[in-house]
Structure formats: C-alpha cells, structure tokens
Amino acid sequence: MSIDPIALAGSRARGKRPYFFKDPDVERVLSIAMAIAMENAVTHQRLDALERLIEQKGLLSREELDQFRPDREAEAQRTLWMKEYIARVLRIVQQETEAVEGGAMDVPMEEVMDALRNE
C-alpha cells in the first residue's frame, strides 16, 4: 500500500470551513501564515533539542553542523520533503481550487459571481 503525503495534505475536514474575515483572500493568507508558523515552531524546538544533545555528547560542534553539505540521496529526500511541505502550506489554495473545479463550493454562488465580476 502506497501513501501519497501530498494528497493527504489536501484532505478536507467535513462541513463548511469557518471564515473569520470578510475578505476570503485575507483568510487564505492567514491560513498559509499559520501553517508556516506551526511548521516553524515545531522545527525550531526539534532542531534546538538535537543541537543541544549533539553538543552535550561531544559528537559535533555547532560550527561543524553549520558546515554540513548533504549527499545526493539526502538532497533528494530534502526535495521530496519540500514538496510535501509546500503542499501542506498551500492546502487552502489547493482545496478551494478543487472546490471550484469540482463544483462543490463552500461559499454561496452569489459570492463567487460577485468576485468574478470584480476581477
């Protein structure tokens, strides 16, 4: 069984998406910013823990960590991770695009028509 993490990043919760601002573009940007903020916070905590443990155990210095260069396999894994990360960050844009293409809009059709007229 193969799992597609990029497809999973686009999975939708059931029900209508809650909106807090009148402008849907503001909602999109806020969703993207919050996804990035969460990813960054988790990464920062884990990186800090790893660097402290590595240094405490005398395995590597911070300077040696800064000078690390990945090999081809590591670079390929990083590239895949980056694609998955971008899919998670831009999840709201993907979902709204799919909703428009699939005809399953979370917003009333009148709002869609007004937005199209104003563009």
N, C-alpha and C. Protein backbone atom coordinates (compact mmCIF):
# COMPACT_ATOMS: atom_id res chain seq x y z
N MET A 1 0.84 -1.18 0.00
CA MET A 1 0.00 0.00 0.00
C MET A 1 0.89 1.25 0.00
N SER A 2 0.65 2.14 -0.95
CA SER A 2 1.44 3.36 -1.07
C SER A 2 0.64 4.54 -0.53
N ILE A 3 1.28 5.36 0.28
CA ILE A 3 0.65 6.54 0.85
C ILE A 3 1.20 7.76 0.12
N ASP A 4 0.31 8.62 -0.33
CA ASP A 4 0.71 9.84 -1.03
C ASP A 4 0.58 11.02 -0.06
N PRO A 5 1.69 11.46 0.56
CA PRO A 5 1.60 12.52 1.55
C PRO A 5 1.13 13.85 0.96
N ILE A 6 1.41 14.09 -0.31
CA ILE A 6 0.96 15.34 -0.92
C ILE A 6 -0.56 15.33 -1.04
N ALA A 7 -1.14 14.19 -1.43
CA ALA A 7 -2.60 14.08 -1.49
C ALA A 7 -3.21 14.19 -0.10
N LEU A 8 -2.56 13.59 0.89
CA LEU A 8 -3.07 13.66 2.27
C LEU A 8 -3.07 15.08 2.80
N ALA A 9 -2.08 15.88 2.38
CA ALA A 9 -2.02 17.27 2.84
C ALA A 9 -3.24 18.05 2.38
N GLY A 10 -3.85 17.61 1.29
CA GLY A 10 -5.02 18.30 0.77
C GLY A 10 -6.34 17.75 1.28
N SER A 11 -6.30 16.81 2.21
CA SER A 11 -7.56 16.24 2.70
C SER A 11 -8.37 17.32 3.41
N ARG A 12 -9.66 17.18 3.33
CA ARG A 12 -10.56 18.21 3.85
C ARG A 12 -11.32 17.71 5.05
N ALA A 13 -11.57 18.62 5.97
CA ALA A 13 -12.46 18.32 7.09
C ALA A 13 -13.90 18.38 6.58
N ARG A 14 -14.77 17.67 7.24
CA ARG A 14 -16.18 17.71 6.84
C ARG A 14 -16.83 19.01 7.28
N GLY A 15 -17.85 19.40 6.55
CA GLY A 15 -18.57 20.62 6.89
C GLY A 15 -17.97 21.84 6.24
N LYS A 16 -18.60 22.96 6.51
CA LYS A 16 -18.20 24.22 5.91
C LYS A 16 -17.01 24.82 6.65
N ARG A 17 -16.07 25.36 5.91
CA ARG A 17 -14.89 25.99 6.51
C ARG A 17 -15.32 27.27 7.24
N PRO A 18 -14.87 27.45 8.49
CA PRO A 18 -15.21 28.69 9.19
C PRO A 18 -14.36 29.85 8.65
N TYR A 19 -14.97 30.98 8.43
CA TYR A 19 -14.27 32.17 7.98
C TYR A 19 -14.41 33.24 9.05
N PHE A 20 -13.31 33.96 9.32
CA PHE A 20 -13.30 34.96 10.38
C PHE A 20 -13.20 36.38 9.84
N PHE A 21 -12.79 36.53 8.59
CA PHE A 21 -12.66 37.84 7.97
C PHE A 21 -13.60 37.93 6.77
N LYS A 22 -13.98 39.14 6.43
CA LYS A 22 -14.89 39.33 5.30
C LYS A 22 -14.22 39.03 3.96
N ASP A 23 -12.94 39.29 3.88
CA ASP A 23 -12.21 39.09 2.62
C ASP A 23 -11.62 37.68 2.58
N PRO A 24 -12.06 36.83 1.64
CA PRO A 24 -11.53 35.46 1.58
C PRO A 24 -10.03 35.42 1.30
N ASP A 25 -9.50 36.42 0.62
CA ASP A 25 -8.06 36.45 0.38
C ASP A 25 -7.29 36.61 1.69
N VAL A 26 -7.83 37.41 2.61
CA VAL A 26 -7.21 37.56 3.92
C VAL A 26 -7.22 36.22 4.66
N GLU A 27 -8.32 35.49 4.54
CA GLU A 27 -8.42 34.16 5.15
C GLU A 27 -7.35 33.22 4.60
N ARG A 28 -7.17 33.24 3.29
CA ARG A 28 -6.18 32.36 2.67
C ARG A 28 -4.77 32.68 3.17
N VAL A 29 -4.44 33.95 3.18
CA VAL A 29 -3.11 34.36 3.62
C VAL A 29 -2.91 34.00 5.10
N LEU A 30 -3.94 34.21 5.91
CA LEU A 30 -3.84 33.86 7.33
C LEU A 30 -3.64 32.35 7.50
N SER A 31 -4.38 31.55 6.75
CA SER A 31 -4.23 30.09 6.83
C SER A 31 -2.83 29.66 6.44
N ILE A 32 -2.31 30.25 5.38
CA ILE A 32 -0.95 29.93 4.94
C ILE A 32 0.06 30.35 6.01
N ALA A 33 -0.08 31.56 6.52
CA ALA A 33 0.85 32.04 7.54
C ALA A 33 0.82 31.18 8.80
N MET A 34 -0.37 30.76 9.22
CA MET A 34 -0.48 29.92 10.41
C MET A 34 0.13 28.54 10.18
N ALA A 35 -0.04 27.99 9.00
CA ALA A 35 0.58 26.70 8.68
C ALA A 35 2.10 26.81 8.75
N ILE A 36 2.63 27.88 8.20
CA ILE A 36 4.08 28.09 8.24
C ILE A 36 4.54 28.31 9.68
N ALA A 37 3.80 29.08 10.43
CA ALA A 37 4.17 29.34 11.83
C ALA A 37 4.23 28.05 12.64
N MET A 38 3.25 27.17 12.46
CA MET A 38 3.23 25.90 13.19
C MET A 38 4.41 25.02 12.78
N GLU A 39 4.65 24.92 11.49
CA GLU A 39 5.77 24.12 10.99
C GLU A 39 7.08 24.67 11.56
N ASN A 40 7.23 25.97 11.55
CA ASN A 40 8.45 26.59 12.03
C ASN A 40 8.65 26.38 13.53
N ALA A 41 7.59 26.49 14.31
CA ALA A 41 7.69 26.31 15.76
C ALA A 41 8.14 24.89 16.11
N VAL A 42 7.54 23.90 15.47
CA VAL A 42 7.91 22.51 15.72
C VAL A 42 9.35 22.25 15.30
N THR A 43 9.71 22.75 14.13
CA THR A 43 11.07 22.57 13.63
C THR A 43 12.09 23.21 14.56
N HIS A 44 11.79 24.40 15.03
CA HIS A 44 12.71 25.10 15.93
C HIS A 44 12.95 24.30 17.21
N GLN A 45 11.89 23.78 17.80
CA GLN A 45 12.02 23.01 19.04
C GLN A 45 12.85 21.74 18.83
N ARG A 46 12.56 21.03 17.76
CA ARG A 46 13.30 19.79 17.48
C ARG A 46 14.76 20.06 17.14
N LEU A 47 15.01 21.07 16.36
CA LEU A 47 16.37 21.42 15.99
C LEU A 47 17.17 21.84 17.21
N ASP A 48 16.57 22.63 18.06
CA ASP A 48 17.24 23.06 19.28
C ASP A 48 17.60 21.86 20.15
N ALA A 49 16.66 20.93 20.31
CA ALA A 49 16.92 19.73 21.11
C ALA A 49 18.05 18.90 20.52
N LEU A 50 18.02 18.70 19.21
CA LEU A 50 19.07 17.91 18.56
C LEU A 50 20.44 18.57 18.69
N GLU A 51 20.51 19.85 18.44
CA GLU A 51 21.80 20.54 18.52
C GLU A 51 22.35 20.50 19.94
N ARG A 52 21.50 20.66 20.93
CA ARG A 52 21.96 20.62 22.32
C ARG A 52 22.46 19.22 22.69
N LEU A 53 21.73 18.19 22.28
CA LEU A 53 22.15 16.82 22.57
C LEU A 53 23.47 16.47 21.87
N ILE A 54 23.58 16.86 20.62
CA ILE A 54 24.80 16.58 19.85
C ILE A 54 26.00 17.27 20.50
N GLU A 55 25.79 18.52 20.91
CA GLU A 55 26.88 19.26 21.52
C GLU A 55 27.21 18.71 22.92
N GLN A 56 26.20 18.39 23.71
CA GLN A 56 26.42 17.84 25.06
C GLN A 56 27.18 16.53 25.02
N LYS A 57 26.90 15.71 24.03
CA LYS A 57 27.56 14.41 23.91
C LYS A 57 28.94 14.52 23.26
N GLY A 58 29.30 15.72 22.85
CA GLY A 58 30.61 15.95 22.25
C GLY A 58 30.76 15.33 20.87
N LEU A 59 29.65 15.10 20.17
CA LEU A 59 29.70 14.49 18.84
C LEU A 59 30.13 15.48 17.77
N LEU A 60 29.56 16.66 17.80
CA LEU A 60 29.87 17.70 16.82
C LEU A 60 29.74 19.06 17.48
N SER A 61 30.46 20.02 16.91
CA SER A 61 30.30 21.40 17.37
C SER A 61 29.24 22.09 16.51
N ARG A 62 28.77 23.21 16.95
CA ARG A 62 27.80 23.98 16.15
C ARG A 62 28.41 24.38 14.81
N GLU A 63 29.68 24.69 14.81
CA GLU A 63 30.36 25.06 13.55
C GLU A 63 30.34 23.90 12.56
N GLU A 64 30.60 22.68 13.04
CA GLU A 64 30.57 21.52 12.15
C GLU A 64 29.16 21.28 11.61
N LEU A 65 28.15 21.50 12.43
CA LEU A 65 26.77 21.36 11.97
C LEU A 65 26.46 22.38 10.88
N ASP A 66 26.94 23.59 11.06
CA ASP A 66 26.70 24.65 10.06
C ASP A 66 27.38 24.35 8.73
N GLN A 67 28.46 23.61 8.75
CA GLN A 67 29.22 23.32 7.53
C GLN A 67 28.76 22.06 6.80
N PHE A 68 27.78 21.35 7.32
CA PHE A 68 27.30 20.11 6.71
C PHE A 68 26.74 20.37 5.31
N ARG A 69 27.08 19.49 4.36
CA ARG A 69 26.55 19.54 2.99
C ARG A 69 25.97 18.15 2.69
N PRO A 70 24.69 18.07 2.29
CA PRO A 70 24.06 16.77 2.05
C PRO A 70 24.57 16.10 0.77
N ASP A 71 24.55 14.74 0.78
CA ASP A 71 24.88 13.99 -0.43
C ASP A 71 23.65 13.95 -1.33
N ARG A 72 23.75 13.27 -2.48
CA ARG A 72 22.64 13.24 -3.46
C ARG A 72 21.36 12.65 -2.87
N GLU A 73 21.49 11.55 -2.14
CA GLU A 73 20.30 10.90 -1.57
C GLU A 73 19.63 11.81 -0.55
N ALA A 74 20.44 12.43 0.30
CA ALA A 74 19.87 13.35 1.29
C ALA A 74 19.21 14.54 0.60
N GLU A 75 19.83 15.03 -0.47
CA GLU A 75 19.25 16.15 -1.20
C GLU A 75 17.92 15.76 -1.84
N ALA A 76 17.84 14.54 -2.37
CA ALA A 76 16.58 14.05 -2.96
C ALA A 76 15.50 13.96 -1.88
N GLN A 77 15.86 13.48 -0.71
CA GLN A 77 14.89 13.40 0.39
C GLN A 77 14.44 14.79 0.82
N ARG A 78 15.37 15.73 0.85
CA ARG A 78 15.02 17.11 1.20
C ARG A 78 14.06 17.71 0.17
N THR A 79 14.31 17.41 -1.10
CA THR A 79 13.45 17.92 -2.17
C THR A 79 12.03 17.38 -2.02
N LEU A 80 11.91 16.08 -1.75
CA LEU A 80 10.59 15.49 -1.53
C LEU A 80 9.91 16.12 -0.32
N TRP A 81 10.65 16.30 0.76
CA TRP A 81 10.08 16.94 1.95
C TRP A 81 9.57 18.34 1.61
N MET A 82 10.35 19.08 0.81
CA MET A 82 9.95 20.45 0.45
C MET A 82 8.64 20.45 -0.32
N LYS A 83 8.46 19.49 -1.23
CA LYS A 83 7.20 19.40 -1.98
C LYS A 83 6.04 19.11 -1.04
N GLU A 84 6.24 18.21 -0.11
CA GLU A 84 5.19 17.88 0.86
C GLU A 84 4.87 19.08 1.75
N TYR A 85 5.91 19.79 2.14
CA TYR A 85 5.75 20.98 2.98
C TYR A 85 4.95 22.06 2.27
N ILE A 86 5.31 22.33 1.03
CA ILE A 86 4.59 23.34 0.25
C ILE A 86 3.13 22.92 0.08
N ALA A 87 2.88 21.63 -0.13
CA ALA A 87 1.50 21.14 -0.25
C ALA A 87 0.72 21.41 1.03
N ARG A 88 1.36 21.22 2.19
CA ARG A 88 0.68 21.49 3.46
C ARG A 88 0.43 22.98 3.63
N VAL A 89 1.43 23.79 3.30
CA VAL A 89 1.31 25.24 3.48
C VAL A 89 0.23 25.82 2.57
N LEU A 90 0.18 25.34 1.34
CA LEU A 90 -0.78 25.88 0.37
C LEU A 90 -2.06 25.04 0.30
N ARG A 91 -2.34 24.25 1.32
CA ARG A 91 -3.50 23.38 1.36
C ARG A 91 -4.81 24.12 1.08
N ILE A 92 -5.00 25.28 1.67
CA ILE A 92 -6.25 26.02 1.49
C ILE A 92 -6.44 26.43 0.03
N VAL A 93 -5.37 26.84 -0.63
CA VAL A 93 -5.47 27.24 -2.04
C VAL A 93 -5.84 26.03 -2.89
N GLN A 94 -5.20 24.89 -2.63
CA GLN A 94 -5.50 23.66 -3.36
C GLN A 94 -6.95 23.25 -3.16
N GLN A 95 -7.41 23.27 -1.92
CA GLN A 95 -8.78 22.85 -1.64
C GLN A 95 -9.81 23.76 -2.31
N GLU A 96 -9.56 25.03 -2.28
CA GLU A 96 -10.51 25.96 -2.91
C GLU A 96 -10.48 25.82 -4.42
N THR A 97 -9.34 25.57 -4.99
CA THR A 97 -9.25 25.34 -6.43
C THR A 97 -10.01 24.08 -6.81
N GLU A 98 -9.83 23.01 -6.03
CA GLU A 98 -10.55 21.77 -6.29
C GLU A 98 -12.05 21.96 -6.13
N ALA A 99 -12.46 22.77 -5.16
CA ALA A 99 -13.89 23.01 -4.96
C ALA A 99 -14.49 23.72 -6.17
N VAL A 100 -13.75 24.69 -6.71
CA VAL A 100 -14.24 25.41 -7.89
C VAL A 100 -14.31 24.47 -9.08
N GLU A 101 -13.26 23.67 -9.27
CA GLU A 101 -13.23 22.75 -10.41
C GLU A 101 -14.26 21.65 -10.26
N GLY A 102 -14.51 21.20 -9.03
CA GLY A 102 -15.45 20.11 -8.80
C GLY A 102 -16.87 20.58 -8.59
N GLY A 103 -17.06 21.89 -8.51
CA GLY A 103 -18.41 22.41 -8.33
C GLY A 103 -18.93 22.34 -6.92
N ALA A 104 -18.12 21.93 -5.96
CA ALA A 104 -18.57 21.80 -4.57
C ALA A 104 -18.06 22.99 -3.78
N MET A 105 -18.68 24.13 -3.97
CA MET A 105 -18.23 25.35 -3.33
C MET A 105 -18.65 25.42 -1.87
N ASP A 106 -17.79 25.97 -1.05
CA ASP A 106 -18.10 26.21 0.36
C ASP A 106 -18.71 27.60 0.55
N VAL A 107 -18.73 28.40 -0.50
CA VAL A 107 -19.29 29.74 -0.41
C VAL A 107 -20.49 29.83 -1.34
N PRO A 108 -21.43 30.70 -1.01
CA PRO A 108 -22.60 30.83 -1.88
C PRO A 108 -22.22 31.29 -3.28
N MET A 109 -22.95 30.82 -4.26
CA MET A 109 -22.67 31.12 -5.66
C MET A 109 -22.70 32.63 -5.91
N GLU A 110 -23.54 33.37 -5.19
CA GLU A 110 -23.59 34.82 -5.37
C GLU A 110 -22.24 35.46 -5.06
N GLU A 111 -21.55 34.96 -4.04
CA GLU A 111 -20.25 35.50 -3.69
C GLU A 111 -19.23 35.20 -4.79
N VAL A 112 -19.31 34.03 -5.35
CA VAL A 112 -18.40 33.66 -6.44
C VAL A 112 -18.65 34.57 -7.63
N MET A 113 -19.89 34.78 -7.98
CA MET A 113 -20.23 35.64 -9.11
C MET A 113 -19.78 37.07 -8.87
N ASP A 114 -19.98 37.59 -7.66
CA ASP A 114 -19.53 38.95 -7.33
C ASP A 114 -18.02 39.06 -7.45
N ALA A 115 -17.30 38.05 -6.97
CA ALA A 115 -15.85 38.07 -7.05
C ALA A 115 -15.38 38.05 -8.49
N LEU A 116 -16.04 37.25 -9.32
CA LEU A 116 -15.65 37.20 -10.74
C LEU A 116 -15.94 38.51 -11.45
N ARG A 117 -17.04 39.15 -11.12
CA ARG A 117 -17.37 40.44 -11.74
C ARG A 117 -16.37 41.52 -11.36
N ASN A 118 -15.84 41.45 -10.13
CA ASN A 118 -14.93 42.49 -9.64
C ASN A 118 -13.48 42.29 -10.07
N GLU A 119 -13.18 41.17 -10.71
CA GLU A 119 -11.79 40.92 -11.13
C GLU A 119 -11.51 41.52 -12.47
